[in-house]
Amino acid sequence: MTVAAILILAGYALISLLTLIVYAVDKSAARKGGRRVRERTLHLLALAGGWPGALIAQRLLRHKSRKQPFRAVFWLTVVLNCAVCVWLLTPYGGVMQRAVFGGA
């Protein structure tokens, strides 16, 4: 496995953990009537690669799992994120990886 691949996987793990924590904070705020996390923030975290953590949080915490408009945008962020990952595996994406990671 290349250094770039390890960095990408580590990035996914970190952003997923952060996303799961943010979902938990939002669920707690929802129960207590406190200040909520914006849905836009949750979607941006998912788009940035935190969608695995968001999916786990939705299942474990039963949070944001029934609101259909939210779910539709969530799945769009998953598709977009996966499309970018697939693109990174192409020769053009490889050029971008080398530019970002310096040939790692």
PDB file of N, CA and C in Angstrom:
ATOM      1  N   MET A   1       0.850  -1.172   0.000  1.00  0.00           N
ATOM      2  CA  MET A   1       0.000   0.000   0.000  1.00  0.00           C
ATOM      3  C   MET A   1       0.899   1.240   0.000  1.00  0.00           C
ATOM      4  N   THR A   2       0.547   2.206  -0.805  1.00  0.00           N
ATOM      5  CA  THR A   2       1.356   3.418  -0.906  1.00  0.00           C
ATOM      6  C   THR A   2       1.104   4.340   0.279  1.00  0.00           C
ATOM      7  N   VAL A   3       2.015   5.268   0.472  1.00  0.00           N
ATOM      8  CA  VAL A   3       1.862   6.251   1.543  1.00  0.00           C
ATOM      9  C   VAL A   3       0.607   7.084   1.309  1.00  0.00           C
ATOM     10  N   ALA A   4       0.343   7.444   0.050  1.00  0.00           N
ATOM     11  CA  ALA A   4      -0.847   8.229  -0.270  1.00  0.00           C
ATOM     12  C   ALA A   4      -2.111   7.468   0.112  1.00  0.00           C
ATOM     13  N   ALA A   5      -2.156   6.175  -0.183  1.00  0.00           N
ATOM     14  CA  ALA A   5      -3.335   5.374   0.158  1.00  0.00           C
ATOM     15  C   ALA A   5      -3.522   5.299   1.666  1.00  0.00           C
ATOM     16  N   ILE A   6      -2.432   5.144   2.398  1.00  0.00           N
ATOM     17  CA  ILE A   6      -2.515   5.104   3.862  1.00  0.00           C
ATOM     18  C   ILE A   6      -3.012   6.437   4.408  1.00  0.00           C
ATOM     19  N   LEU A   7      -2.514   7.531   3.845  1.00  0.00           N
ATOM     20  CA  LEU A   7      -2.961   8.857   4.279  1.00  0.00           C
ATOM     21  C   LEU A   7      -4.445   9.065   3.988  1.00  0.00           C
ATOM     22  N   ILE A   8      -4.888   8.599   2.842  1.00  0.00           N
ATOM     23  CA  ILE A   8      -6.301   8.735   2.483  1.00  0.00           C
ATOM     24  C   ILE A   8      -7.169   7.920   3.440  1.00  0.00           C
ATOM     25  N   LEU A   9      -6.776   6.678   3.708  1.00  0.00           N
ATOM     26  CA  LEU A   9      -7.541   5.843   4.644  1.00  0.00           C
ATOM     27  C   LEU A   9      -7.551   6.443   6.046  1.00  0.00           C
ATOM     28  N   ALA A  10      -6.410   6.954   6.492  1.00  0.00           N
ATOM     29  CA  ALA A  10      -6.349   7.591   7.809  1.00  0.00           C
ATOM     30  C   ALA A  10      -7.245   8.827   7.856  1.00  0.00           C
ATOM     31  N   GLY A  11      -7.259   9.577   6.758  1.00  0.00           N
ATOM     32  CA  GLY A  11      -8.125  10.753   6.675  1.00  0.00           C
ATOM     33  C   GLY A  11      -9.593  10.376   6.773  1.00  0.00           C
ATOM     34  N   TYR A  12      -9.978   9.308   6.064  1.00  0.00           N
ATOM     35  CA  TYR A  12     -11.363   8.827   6.157  1.00  0.00           C
ATOM     36  C   TYR A  12     -11.710   8.408   7.576  1.00  0.00           C
ATOM     37  N   ALA A  13     -10.791   7.710   8.222  1.00  0.00           N
ATOM     38  CA  ALA A  13     -11.047   7.252   9.594  1.00  0.00           C
ATOM     39  C   ALA A  13     -11.225   8.436  10.535  1.00  0.00           C
ATOM     40  N   LEU A  14     -10.359   9.437  10.410  1.00  0.00           N
ATOM     41  CA  LEU A  14     -10.436  10.601  11.294  1.00  0.00           C
ATOM     42  C   LEU A  14     -11.696  11.425  11.059  1.00  0.00           C
ATOM     43  N   ILE A  15     -12.000  11.711   9.802  1.00  0.00           N
ATOM     44  CA  ILE A  15     -13.180  12.524   9.519  1.00  0.00           C
ATOM     45  C   ILE A  15     -14.459  11.749   9.856  1.00  0.00           C
ATOM     46  N   SER A  16     -14.420  10.425   9.712  1.00  0.00           N
ATOM     47  CA  SER A  16     -15.582   9.616  10.092  1.00  0.00           C
ATOM     48  C   SER A  16     -15.800   9.640  11.595  1.00  0.00           C
ATOM     49  N   LEU A  17     -14.718   9.549  12.353  1.00  0.00           N
ATOM     50  CA  LEU A  17     -14.829   9.619  13.811  1.00  0.00           C
ATOM     51  C   LEU A  17     -15.354  10.986  14.235  1.00  0.00           C
ATOM     52  N   LEU A  18     -14.821  12.049  13.640  1.00  0.00           N
ATOM     53  CA  LEU A  18     -15.296  13.399  13.934  1.00  0.00           C
ATOM     54  C   LEU A  18     -16.785  13.529  13.605  1.00  0.00           C
ATOM     55  N   THR A  19     -17.185  13.010  12.462  1.00  0.00           N
ATOM     56  CA  THR A  19     -18.588  13.084  12.041  1.00  0.00           C
ATOM     57  C   THR A  19     -19.486  12.341  13.009  1.00  0.00           C
ATOM     58  N   LEU A  20     -19.072  11.160  13.435  1.00  0.00           N
ATOM     59  CA  LEU A  20     -19.854  10.396  14.400  1.00  0.00           C
ATOM     60  C   LEU A  20     -20.017  11.184  15.697  1.00  0.00           C
ATOM     61  N   ILE A  21     -18.956  11.830  16.151  1.00  0.00           N
ATOM     62  CA  ILE A  21     -19.020  12.642  17.374  1.00  0.00           C
ATOM     63  C   ILE A  21     -19.975  13.813  17.193  1.00  0.00           C
ATOM     64  N   VAL A  22     -19.916  14.477  16.039  1.00  0.00           N
ATOM     65  CA  VAL A  22     -20.803  15.617  15.780  1.00  0.00           C
ATOM     66  C   VAL A  22     -22.261  15.156  15.752  1.00  0.00           C
ATOM     67  N   TYR A  23     -22.532  14.011  15.153  1.00  0.00           N
ATOM     68  CA  TYR A  23     -23.888  13.460  15.172  1.00  0.00           C
ATOM     69  C   TYR A  23     -24.337  13.201  16.612  1.00  0.00           C
ATOM     70  N   ALA A  24     -23.451  12.651  17.430  1.00  0.00           N
ATOM     71  CA  ALA A  24     -23.798  12.367  18.830  1.00  0.00           C
ATOM     72  C   ALA A  24     -24.096  13.653  19.593  1.00  0.00           C
ATOM     73  N   VAL A  25     -23.300  14.685  19.345  1.00  0.00           N
ATOM     74  CA  VAL A  25     -23.544  15.983  19.977  1.00  0.00           C
ATOM     75  C   VAL A  25     -24.897  16.528  19.540  1.00  0.00           C
ATOM     76  N   ASP A  26     -25.206  16.424  18.251  1.00  0.00           N
ATOM     77  CA  ASP A  26     -26.479  16.917  17.748  1.00  0.00           C
ATOM     78  C   ASP A  26     -27.652  16.120  18.318  1.00  0.00           C
ATOM     79  N   LYS A  27     -27.494  14.812  18.433  1.00  0.00           N
ATOM     80  CA  LYS A  27     -28.549  13.977  19.011  1.00  0.00           C
ATOM     81  C   LYS A  27     -28.799  14.376  20.463  1.00  0.00           C
ATOM     82  N   SER A  28     -27.724  14.620  21.210  1.00  0.00           N
ATOM     83  CA  SER A  28     -27.854  15.049  22.597  1.00  0.00           C
ATOM     84  C   SER A  28     -28.566  16.399  22.688  1.00  0.00           C
ATOM     85  N   ALA A  29     -28.200  17.315  21.811  1.00  0.00           N
ATOM     86  CA  ALA A  29     -28.845  18.630  21.791  1.00  0.00           C
ATOM     87  C   ALA A  29     -30.324  18.497  21.432  1.00  0.00           C
ATOM     88  N   ALA A  30     -30.645  17.593  20.527  1.00  0.00           N
ATOM     89  CA  ALA A  30     -32.042  17.390  20.131  1.00  0.00           C
ATOM     90  C   ALA A  30     -32.864  16.886  21.324  1.00  0.00           C
ATOM     91  N   ARG A  31     -32.294  15.983  22.092  1.00  0.00           N
ATOM     92  CA  ARG A  31     -32.994  15.440  23.269  1.00  0.00           C
ATOM     93  C   ARG A  31     -33.198  16.500  24.348  1.00  0.00           C
ATOM     94  N   LYS A  32     -32.180  17.358  24.517  1.00  0.00           N
ATOM     95  CA  LYS A  32     -32.212  18.342  25.603  1.00  0.00           C
ATOM     96  C   LYS A  32     -32.805  19.686  25.187  1.00  0.00           C
ATOM     97  N   GLY A  33     -33.130  19.821  23.905  1.00  0.00           N
ATOM     98  CA  GLY A  33     -33.656  21.096  23.427  1.00  0.00           C
ATOM     99  C   GLY A  33     -32.582  22.158  23.306  1.00  0.00           C
ATOM    100  N   GLY A  34     -31.347  21.742  23.145  1.00  0.00           N
ATOM    101  CA  GLY A  34     -30.226  22.679  23.047  1.00  0.00           C
ATOM    102  C   GLY A  34     -29.967  23.131  21.623  1.00  0.00           C
ATOM    103  N   ARG A  35     -28.847  23.799  21.462  1.00  0.00           N
ATOM    104  CA  ARG A  35     -28.463  24.314  20.144  1.00  0.00           C
ATOM    105  C   ARG A  35     -28.033  23.157  19.254  1.00  0.00           C
ATOM    106  N   ARG A  36     -28.623  23.085  18.076  1.00  0.00           N
ATOM    107  CA  ARG A  36     -28.404  21.982  17.153  1.00  0.00           C
ATOM    108  C   ARG A  36     -27.293  22.293  16.150  1.00  0.00           C
ATOM    109  N   VAL A  37     -26.747  21.240  15.588  1.00  0.00           N
ATOM    110  CA  VAL A  37     -25.761  21.348  14.508  1.00  0.00           C
ATOM    111  C   VAL A  37     -26.541  21.528  13.205  1.00  0.00           C
ATOM    112  N   ARG A  38     -26.108  22.443  12.381  1.00  0.00           N
ATOM    113  CA  ARG A  38     -26.799  22.662  11.103  1.00  0.00           C
ATOM    114  C   ARG A  38     -26.701  21.428  10.219  1.00  0.00           C
ATOM    115  N   GLU A  39     -27.779  21.142   9.509  1.00  0.00           N
ATOM    116  CA  GLU A  39     -27.759  20.009   8.579  1.00  0.00           C
ATOM    117  C   GLU A  39     -26.692  20.206   7.521  1.00  0.00           C
ATOM    118  N   ARG A  40     -26.464  21.430   7.121  1.00  0.00           N
ATOM    119  CA  ARG A  40     -25.438  21.728   6.131  1.00  0.00           C
ATOM    120  C   ARG A  40     -24.070  21.252   6.626  1.00  0.00           C
ATOM    121  N   THR A  41     -23.806  21.458   7.906  1.00  0.00           N
ATOM    122  CA  THR A  41     -22.538  21.018   8.491  1.00  0.00           C
ATOM    123  C   THR A  41     -22.426  19.501   8.441  1.00  0.00           C
ATOM    124  N   LEU A  42     -23.510  18.813   8.783  1.00  0.00           N
ATOM    125  CA  LEU A  42     -23.506  17.351   8.730  1.00  0.00           C
ATOM    126  C   LEU A  42     -23.254  16.859   7.306  1.00  0.00           C
ATOM    127  N   HIS A  43     -23.866  17.520   6.346  1.00  0.00           N
ATOM    128  CA  HIS A  43     -23.669  17.121   4.939  1.00  0.00           C
ATOM    129  C   HIS A  43     -22.245  17.411   4.468  1.00  0.00           C
ATOM    130  N   LEU A  44     -21.685  18.524   4.872  1.00  0.00           N
ATOM    131  CA  LEU A  44     -20.308  18.843   4.473  1.00  0.00           C
ATOM    132  C   LEU A  44     -19.320  17.839   5.067  1.00  0.00           C
ATOM    133  N   LEU A  45     -19.561  17.431   6.301  1.00  0.00           N
ATOM    134  CA  LEU A  45     -18.706  16.407   6.906  1.00  0.00           C
ATOM    135  C   LEU A  45     -18.804  15.095   6.130  1.00  0.00           C
ATOM    136  N   ALA A  46     -20.018  14.734   5.741  1.00  0.00           N
ATOM    137  CA  ALA A  46     -20.212  13.502   4.959  1.00  0.00           C
ATOM    138  C   ALA A  46     -19.511  13.616   3.610  1.00  0.00           C
ATOM    139  N   LEU A  47     -19.669  14.747   2.960  1.00  0.00           N
ATOM    140  CA  LEU A  47     -19.050  14.959   1.652  1.00  0.00           C
ATOM    141  C   LEU A  47     -17.526  14.924   1.741  1.00  0.00           C
ATOM    142  N   ALA A  48     -16.987  15.410   2.843  1.00  0.00           N
ATOM    143  CA  ALA A  48     -15.536  15.449   3.031  1.00  0.00           C
ATOM    144  C   ALA A  48     -14.941  14.073   3.321  1.00  0.00           C
ATOM    145  N   GLY A  49     -15.792  13.067   3.420  1.00  0.00           N
ATOM    146  CA  GLY A  49     -15.300  11.715   3.669  1.00  0.00           C
ATOM    147  C   GLY A  49     -15.797  11.116   4.969  1.00  0.00           C
ATOM    148  N   GLY A  50     -16.600  11.862   5.697  1.00  0.00           N
ATOM    149  CA  GLY A  50     -17.111  11.368   6.969  1.00  0.00           C
ATOM    150  C   GLY A  50     -18.385  10.564   6.859  1.00  0.00           C
ATOM    151  N   TRP A  51     -18.782  10.234   5.626  1.00  0.00           N
ATOM    152  CA  TRP A  51     -20.049   9.516   5.465  1.00  0.00           C
ATOM    153  C   TRP A  51     -20.060   8.139   6.145  1.00  0.00           C
ATOM    154  N   PRO A  52     -18.936   7.400   6.229  1.00  0.00           N
ATOM    155  CA  PRO A  52     -19.026   6.141   6.977  1.00  0.00           C
ATOM    156  C   PRO A  52     -19.387   6.378   8.453  1.00  0.00           C
ATOM    157  N   GLY A  53     -18.797   7.389   9.059  1.00  0.00           N
ATOM    158  CA  GLY A  53     -19.126   7.733  10.441  1.00  0.00           C
ATOM    159  C   GLY A  53     -20.556   8.208  10.577  1.00  0.00           C
ATOM    160  N   ALA A  54     -21.030   8.958   9.582  1.00  0.00           N
ATOM    161  CA  ALA A  54     -22.415   9.422   9.599  1.00  0.00           C
ATOM    162  C   ALA A  54     -23.376   8.243   9.500  1.00  0.00           C
ATOM    163  N   LEU A  55     -23.066   7.309   8.642  1.00  0.00           N
ATOM    164  CA  LEU A  55     -23.920   6.135   8.479  1.00  0.00           C
ATOM    165  C   LEU A  55     -23.970   5.318   9.768  1.00  0.00           C
ATOM    166  N   ILE A  56     -22.821   5.150  10.399  1.00  0.00           N
ATOM    167  CA  ILE A  56     -22.782   4.430  11.679  1.00  0.00           C
ATOM    168  C   ILE A  56     -23.602   5.179  12.729  1.00  0.00           C
ATOM    169  N   ALA A  57     -23.429   6.497  12.792  1.00  0.00           N
ATOM    170  CA  ALA A  57     -24.180   7.306  13.765  1.00  0.00           C
ATOM    171  C   ALA A  57     -25.681   7.226  13.516  1.00  0.00           C
ATOM    172  N   GLN A  58     -26.079   7.264  12.253  1.00  0.00           N
ATOM    173  CA  GLN A  58     -27.509   7.184  11.935  1.00  0.00           C
ATOM    174  C   GLN A  58     -28.089   5.864  12.417  1.00  0.00           C
ATOM    175  N   ARG A  59     -27.324   4.807  12.290  1.00  0.00           N
ATOM    176  CA  ARG A  59     -27.811   3.486  12.713  1.00  0.00           C
ATOM    177  C   ARG A  59     -27.751   3.321  14.229  1.00  0.00           C
ATOM    178  N   LEU A  60     -26.597   3.633  14.819  1.00  0.00           N
ATOM    179  CA  LEU A  60     -26.421   3.424  16.267  1.00  0.00           C
ATOM    180  C   LEU A  60     -27.266   4.376  17.111  1.00  0.00           C
ATOM    181  N   LEU A  61     -27.287   5.641  16.706  1.00  0.00           N
ATOM    182  CA  LEU A  61     -27.983   6.657  17.494  1.00  0.00           C
ATOM    183  C   LEU A  61     -29.428   6.873  17.047  1.00  0.00           C
ATOM    184  N   ARG A  62     -29.781   6.266  15.923  1.00  0.00           N
ATOM    185  CA  ARG A  62     -31.098   6.501  15.311  1.00  0.00           C
ATOM    186  C   ARG A  62     -31.342   8.002  15.147  1.00  0.00           C
ATOM    187  N   HIS A  63     -30.338   8.640  14.573  1.00  0.00           N
ATOM    188  CA  HIS A  63     -30.390  10.092  14.400  1.00  0.00           C
ATOM    189  C   HIS A  63     -30.307  10.438  12.918  1.00  0.00           C
ATOM    190  N   LYS A  64     -31.215  11.282  12.493  1.00  0.00           N
ATOM    191  CA  LYS A  64     -31.294  11.712  11.092  1.00  0.00           C
ATOM    192  C   LYS A  64     -31.523  10.521  10.156  1.00  0.00           C
ATOM    193  N   SER A  65     -32.206   9.513  10.659  1.00  0.00           N
ATOM    194  CA  SER A  65     -32.409   8.298   9.863  1.00  0.00           C
ATOM    195  C   SER A  65     -33.798   8.213   9.249  1.00  0.00           C
ATOM    196  N   ARG A  66     -34.686   9.113   9.631  1.00  0.00           N
ATOM    197  CA  ARG A  66     -36.058   9.049   9.110  1.00  0.00           C
ATOM    198  C   ARG A  66     -36.436  10.256   8.256  1.00  0.00           C
ATOM    199  N   LYS A  67     -35.742  11.342   8.399  1.00  0.00           N
ATOM    200  CA  LYS A  67     -36.067  12.573   7.681  1.00  0.00           C
ATOM    201  C   LYS A  67     -35.645  12.430   6.225  1.00  0.00           C
ATOM    202  N   GLN A  68     -36.620  12.206   5.354  1.00  0.00           N
ATOM    203  CA  GLN A  68     -36.336  11.855   3.964  1.00  0.00           C
ATOM    204  C   GLN A  68     -35.537  12.905   3.187  1.00  0.00           C
ATOM    205  N   PRO A  69     -35.852  14.199   3.275  1.00  0.00           N
ATOM    206  CA  PRO A  69     -35.023  15.168   2.533  1.00  0.00           C
ATOM    207  C   PRO A  69     -33.557  15.128   2.971  1.00  0.00           C
ATOM    208  N   PHE A  70     -33.312  14.983   4.261  1.00  0.00           N
ATOM    209  CA  PHE A  70     -31.946  14.889   4.760  1.00  0.00           C
ATOM    210  C   PHE A  70     -31.277  13.645   4.195  1.00  0.00           C
ATOM    211  N   ARG A  71     -31.975  12.521   4.216  1.00  0.00           N
ATOM    212  CA  ARG A  71     -31.420  11.257   3.733  1.00  0.00           C
ATOM    213  C   ARG A  71     -31.061  11.335   2.248  1.00  0.00           C
ATOM    214  N   ALA A  72     -31.903  12.002   1.474  1.00  0.00           N
ATOM    215  CA  ALA A  72     -31.634  12.123   0.037  1.00  0.00           C
ATOM    216  C   ALA A  72     -30.339  12.894  -0.207  1.00  0.00           C
ATOM    217  N   VAL A  73     -30.159  14.005   0.491  1.00  0.00           N
ATOM    218  CA  VAL A  73     -28.934  14.788   0.323  1.00  0.00           C
ATOM    219  C   VAL A  73     -27.748  13.998   0.865  1.00  0.00           C
ATOM    220  N   PHE A  74     -27.936  13.291   1.979  1.00  0.00           N
ATOM    221  CA  PHE A  74     -26.860  12.480   2.543  1.00  0.00           C
ATOM    222  C   PHE A  74     -26.356  11.477   1.507  1.00  0.00           C
ATOM    223  N   TRP A  75     -27.276  10.734   0.869  1.00  0.00           N
ATOM    224  CA  TRP A  75     -26.857   9.729  -0.103  1.00  0.00           C
ATOM    225  C   TRP A  75     -26.219  10.364  -1.337  1.00  0.00           C
ATOM    226  N   LEU A  76     -26.627  11.577  -1.672  1.00  0.00           N
ATOM    227  CA  LEU A  76     -25.966  12.307  -2.760  1.00  0.00           C
ATOM    228  C   LEU A  76     -24.510  12.610  -2.377  1.00  0.00           C
ATOM    229  N   THR A  77     -24.270  12.998  -1.121  1.00  0.00           N
ATOM    230  CA  THR A  77     -22.897  13.258  -0.685  1.00  0.00           C
ATOM    231  C   THR A  77     -22.061  11.981  -0.729  1.00  0.00           C
ATOM    232  N   VAL A  78     -22.680  10.841  -0.409  1.00  0.00           N
ATOM    233  CA  VAL A  78     -21.958   9.560  -0.468  1.00  0.00           C
ATOM    234  C   VAL A  78     -21.546   9.265  -1.906  1.00  0.00           C
ATOM    235  N   VAL A  79     -22.484   9.422  -2.828  1.00  0.00           N
ATOM    236  CA  VAL A  79     -22.202   9.152  -4.247  1.00  0.00           C
ATOM    237  C   VAL A  79     -21.109  10.094  -4.761  1.00  0.00           C
ATOM    238  N   LEU A  80     -21.214  11.368  -4.429  1.00  0.00           N
ATOM    239  CA  LEU A  80     -20.203  12.326  -4.881  1.00  0.00           C
ATOM    240  C   LEU A  80     -18.828  11.999  -4.303  1.00  0.00           C
ATOM    241  N   ASN A  81     -18.778  11.670  -3.030  1.00  0.00           N
ATOM    242  CA  ASN A  81     -17.503  11.330  -2.406  1.00  0.00           C
ATOM    243  C   ASN A  81     -16.900  10.090  -3.047  1.00  0.00           C
ATOM    244  N   CYS A  82     -17.716   9.072  -3.280  1.00  0.00           N
ATOM    245  CA  CYS A  82     -17.219   7.845  -3.910  1.00  0.00           C
ATOM    246  C   CYS A  82     -16.761   8.097  -5.341  1.00  0.00           C
ATOM    247  N   ALA A  83     -17.477   8.978  -6.049  1.00  0.00           N
ATOM    248  CA  ALA A  83     -17.084   9.317  -7.418  1.00  0.00           C
ATOM    249  C   ALA A  83     -15.704   9.976  -7.435  1.00  0.00           C
ATOM    250  N   VAL A  84     -15.450  10.852  -6.480  1.00  0.00           N
ATOM    251  CA  VAL A  84     -14.135  11.493  -6.398  1.00  0.00           C
ATOM    252  C   VAL A  84     -13.062  10.443  -6.100  1.00  0.00           C
ATOM    253  N   CYS A  85     -13.374   9.506  -5.218  1.00  0.00           N
ATOM    254  CA  CYS A  85     -12.396   8.444  -4.907  1.00  0.00           C
ATOM    255  C   CYS A  85     -12.086   7.611  -6.140  1.00  0.00           C
ATOM    256  N   VAL A  86     -13.093   7.271  -6.901  1.00  0.00           N
ATOM    257  CA  VAL A  86     -12.873   6.503  -8.134  1.00  0.00           C
ATOM    258  C   VAL A  86     -12.050   7.338  -9.109  1.00  0.00           C
ATOM    259  N   TRP A  87     -12.372   8.616  -9.221  1.00  0.00           N
ATOM    260  CA  TRP A  87     -11.620   9.500 -10.112  1.00  0.00           C
ATOM    261  C   TRP A  87     -10.148   9.544  -9.720  1.00  0.00           C
ATOM    262  N   LEU A  88      -9.870   9.525  -8.407  1.00  0.00           N
ATOM    263  CA  LEU A  88      -8.478   9.553  -7.943  1.00  0.00           C
ATOM    264  C   LEU A  88      -7.700   8.322  -8.393  1.00  0.00           C
ATOM    265  N   LEU A  89      -8.405   7.260  -8.751  1.00  0.00           N
ATOM    266  CA  LEU A  89      -7.750   6.042  -9.230  1.00  0.00           C
ATOM    267  C   LEU A  89      -7.443   6.089 -10.720  1.00  0.00           C
ATOM    268  N   THR A  90      -7.964   7.098 -11.414  1.00  0.00           N
ATOM    269  CA  THR A  90      -7.697   7.248 -12.836  1.00  0.00           C
ATOM    270  C   THR A  90      -6.353   7.939 -13.035  1.00  0.00           C
ATOM    271  N   PRO A  91      -5.808   7.896 -14.253  1.00  0.00           N
ATOM    272  CA  PRO A  91      -4.541   8.601 -14.503  1.00  0.00           C
ATOM    273  C   PRO A  91      -4.617  10.096 -14.180  1.00  0.00           C
ATOM    274  N   TYR A  92      -5.763  10.737 -14.481  1.00  0.00           N
ATOM    275  CA  TYR A  92      -5.911  12.163 -14.187  1.00  0.00           C
ATOM    276  C   TYR A  92      -5.944  12.404 -12.682  1.00  0.00           C
ATOM    277  N   GLY A  93      -6.640  11.540 -11.983  1.00  0.00           N
ATOM    278  CA  GLY A  93      -6.681  11.637 -10.530  1.00  0.00           C
ATOM    279  C   GLY A  93      -5.326  11.365  -9.910  1.00  0.00           C
ATOM    280  N   GLY A  94      -4.565  10.476 -10.531  1.00  0.00           N
ATOM    281  CA  GLY A  94      -3.211  10.192 -10.049  1.00  0.00           C
ATOM    282  C   GLY A  94      -2.326  11.420 -10.108  1.00  0.00           C
ATOM    283  N   VAL A  95      -2.499  12.218 -11.157  1.00  0.00           N
ATOM    284  CA  VAL A  95      -1.745  13.472 -11.269  1.00  0.00           C
ATOM    285  C   VAL A  95      -2.102  14.384 -10.093  1.00  0.00           C
ATOM    286  N   MET A  96      -3.393  14.454  -9.767  1.00  0.00           N
ATOM    287  CA  MET A  96      -3.839  15.280  -8.641  1.00  0.00           C
ATOM    288  C   MET A  96      -3.269  14.743  -7.326  1.00  0.00           C
ATOM    289  N   GLN A  97      -3.278  13.431  -7.160  1.00  0.00           N
ATOM    290  CA  GLN A  97      -2.708  12.844  -5.943  1.00  0.00           C
ATOM    291  C   GLN A  97      -1.237  13.212  -5.789  1.00  0.00           C
ATOM    292  N   ARG A  98      -0.499  13.085  -6.882  1.00  0.00           N
ATOM    293  CA  ARG A  98       0.927  13.414  -6.823  1.00  0.00           C
ATOM    294  C   ARG A  98       1.146  14.890  -6.516  1.00  0.00           C
ATOM    295  N   ALA A  99       0.262  15.726  -7.042  1.00  0.00           N
ATOM    296  CA  ALA A  99       0.377  17.164  -6.773  1.00  0.00           C
ATOM    297  C   ALA A  99       0.113  17.451  -5.292  1.00  0.00           C
ATOM    298  N   VAL A 100      -0.855  16.764  -4.714  1.00  0.00           N
ATOM    299  CA  VAL A 100      -1.212  16.999  -3.311  1.00  0.00           C
ATOM    300  C   VAL A 100      -0.224  16.328  -2.370  1.00  0.00           C
ATOM    301  N   PHE A 101       0.109  15.074  -2.657  1.00  0.00           N
ATOM    302  CA  PHE A 101       0.948  14.301  -1.755  1.00  0.00           C
ATOM    303  C   PHE A 101       2.423  14.291  -2.135  1.00  0.00           C
ATOM    304  N   GLY A 102       2.771  14.982  -3.203  1.00  0.00           N
ATOM    305  CA  GLY A 102       4.173  15.102  -3.584  1.00  0.00           C
ATOM    306  C   GLY A 102       4.821  13.792  -4.011  1.00  0.00           C
ATOM    307  N   GLY A 103       4.072  12.968  -4.747  1.00  0.00           N
ATOM    308  CA  GLY A 103       4.640  11.721  -5.244  1.00  0.00           C
ATOM    309  C   GLY A 103       4.791  10.642  -4.194  1.00  0.00           C
ATOM    310  N   ALA A 104       4.107  10.803  -3.060  1.00  0.00           N
ATOM    311  CA  ALA A 104       4.208   9.822  -1.970  1.00  0.00           C
ATOM    312  C   ALA A 104       3.646   8.482  -2.359  1.00  0.00           C
TER     313      ALA A 104
END
